[in-house]
């Protein structure tokens, strides 16, 4: 059986008429996380979740957090690197 080619996930921005721009990025190490942080507006919070297959609970949690005052402009990082999540 031939394995399908794995698609590399990097970064994209989602724009909506309802919510502000939503930056979602992949970061496998602290360098990539710092590169992302440098591209965001100063003080932007970053939420983290696991990478690879997504689950509806993480989508719901991320969306719900974006409706709070504290995380309304937060970016989302998807990773399996514990150092990045910490």
Protein backbone atom coordinates (compact mmCIF):
# COMPACT_ATOMS: atom_id res chain seq x y z
CA UNK A 1 0.00 0.00 0.00
CA UNK A 2 1.35 3.42 -0.93
CA UNK A 3 1.18 6.05 1.80
CA UNK A 4 -0.31 9.38 0.70
CA UNK A 5 2.11 12.30 0.65
CA UNK A 6 2.08 14.23 3.92
CA UNK A 7 1.17 17.87 3.40
CA UNK A 8 3.28 20.37 5.27
CA UNK A 9 1.27 22.83 7.37
CA UNK A 10 2.93 26.15 7.92
CA UNK A 11 0.85 29.24 8.49
CA UNK A 12 -2.24 30.96 7.26
CA UNK A 13 -4.40 33.88 8.24
CA UNK A 14 -8.17 33.64 8.39
CA UNK A 15 -10.19 36.81 7.87
CA UNK A 16 -13.85 37.09 8.70
CA UNK A 17 -16.40 39.87 8.82
CA UNK A 18 -17.32 38.75 12.34
CA UNK A 19 -13.97 38.23 14.07
CA UNK A 20 -10.57 39.89 13.69
CA UNK A 21 -7.81 38.23 11.65
CA UNK A 22 -6.96 34.81 13.09
CA UNK A 23 -3.35 33.65 12.65
CA UNK A 24 -2.82 29.89 12.86
CA UNK A 25 0.71 28.56 12.66
CA UNK A 26 2.78 25.44 13.15
CA UNK A 27 5.84 25.57 15.41
CA UNK A 28 8.00 22.52 16.06
CA UNK A 29 10.63 24.33 18.13
CA UNK A 30 11.20 27.52 20.08
CA UNK A 31 12.93 29.24 17.13
CA UNK A 32 9.81 28.88 14.99
CA UNK A 33 7.68 30.15 17.88
CA UNK A 34 9.91 33.22 18.26
CA UNK A 35 9.76 33.84 14.48
CA UNK A 36 5.96 33.82 14.72
CA UNK A 37 5.98 36.08 17.78
CA UNK A 38 8.17 38.59 15.86
CA UNK A 39 5.55 38.81 13.07
CA UNK A 40 2.62 39.40 15.43
CA UNK A 41 1.62 42.73 16.93
CA UNK A 42 3.35 43.39 20.26
CA UNK A 43 1.46 41.86 23.18
CA UNK A 44 -0.49 39.37 21.04
CA UNK A 45 -1.31 36.27 23.07
CA UNK A 46 -0.63 32.85 21.59
CA UNK A 47 -2.85 29.85 22.33
CA UNK A 48 -1.49 26.34 21.78
CA UNK A 49 -2.94 23.00 20.78
CA UNK A 50 -1.66 19.73 19.34
CA UNK A 51 -0.81 19.38 15.67
CA UNK A 52 -1.74 16.72 13.12
CA UNK A 53 -5.41 15.64 12.97
CA UNK A 54 -7.73 18.18 14.54
CA UNK A 55 -10.64 17.38 16.76
CA UNK A 56 -13.89 19.29 17.19
CA UNK A 57 -13.12 19.95 20.88
CA UNK A 58 -9.99 21.96 20.06
CA UNK A 59 -11.80 23.92 17.35
CA UNK A 60 -14.61 24.72 19.77
CA UNK A 61 -12.22 25.67 22.58
CA UNK A 62 -10.17 27.94 20.30
CA UNK A 63 -13.30 29.64 18.98
CA UNK A 64 -14.74 30.10 22.46
CA UNK A 65 -11.51 31.64 23.73
CA UNK A 66 -11.54 34.08 20.80
CA UNK A 67 -14.89 35.39 22.06
CA UNK A 68 -13.34 36.37 25.41
CA UNK A 69 -11.81 39.81 25.94
CA UNK A 70 -8.44 38.30 26.92
CA UNK A 71 -7.99 36.11 23.81
CA UNK A 72 -10.01 37.94 21.14
CA UNK A 73 -6.87 38.79 19.14
CA UNK A 74 -4.81 35.70 20.03
CA UNK A 75 -2.94 33.58 17.49
CA UNK A 76 -3.05 29.77 17.56
CA UNK A 77 0.01 27.51 17.40
CA UNK A 78 -0.40 23.83 16.54
CA UNK A 79 2.48 21.63 17.70
CA UNK A 80 3.50 18.41 19.41
CA UNK A 81 6.64 20.03 20.92
CA UNK A 82 6.10 20.31 24.67
CA UNK A 83 8.68 23.11 24.93
CA UNK A 84 6.58 25.22 22.56
CA UNK A 85 3.35 24.51 24.44
CA UNK A 86 5.02 25.33 27.76
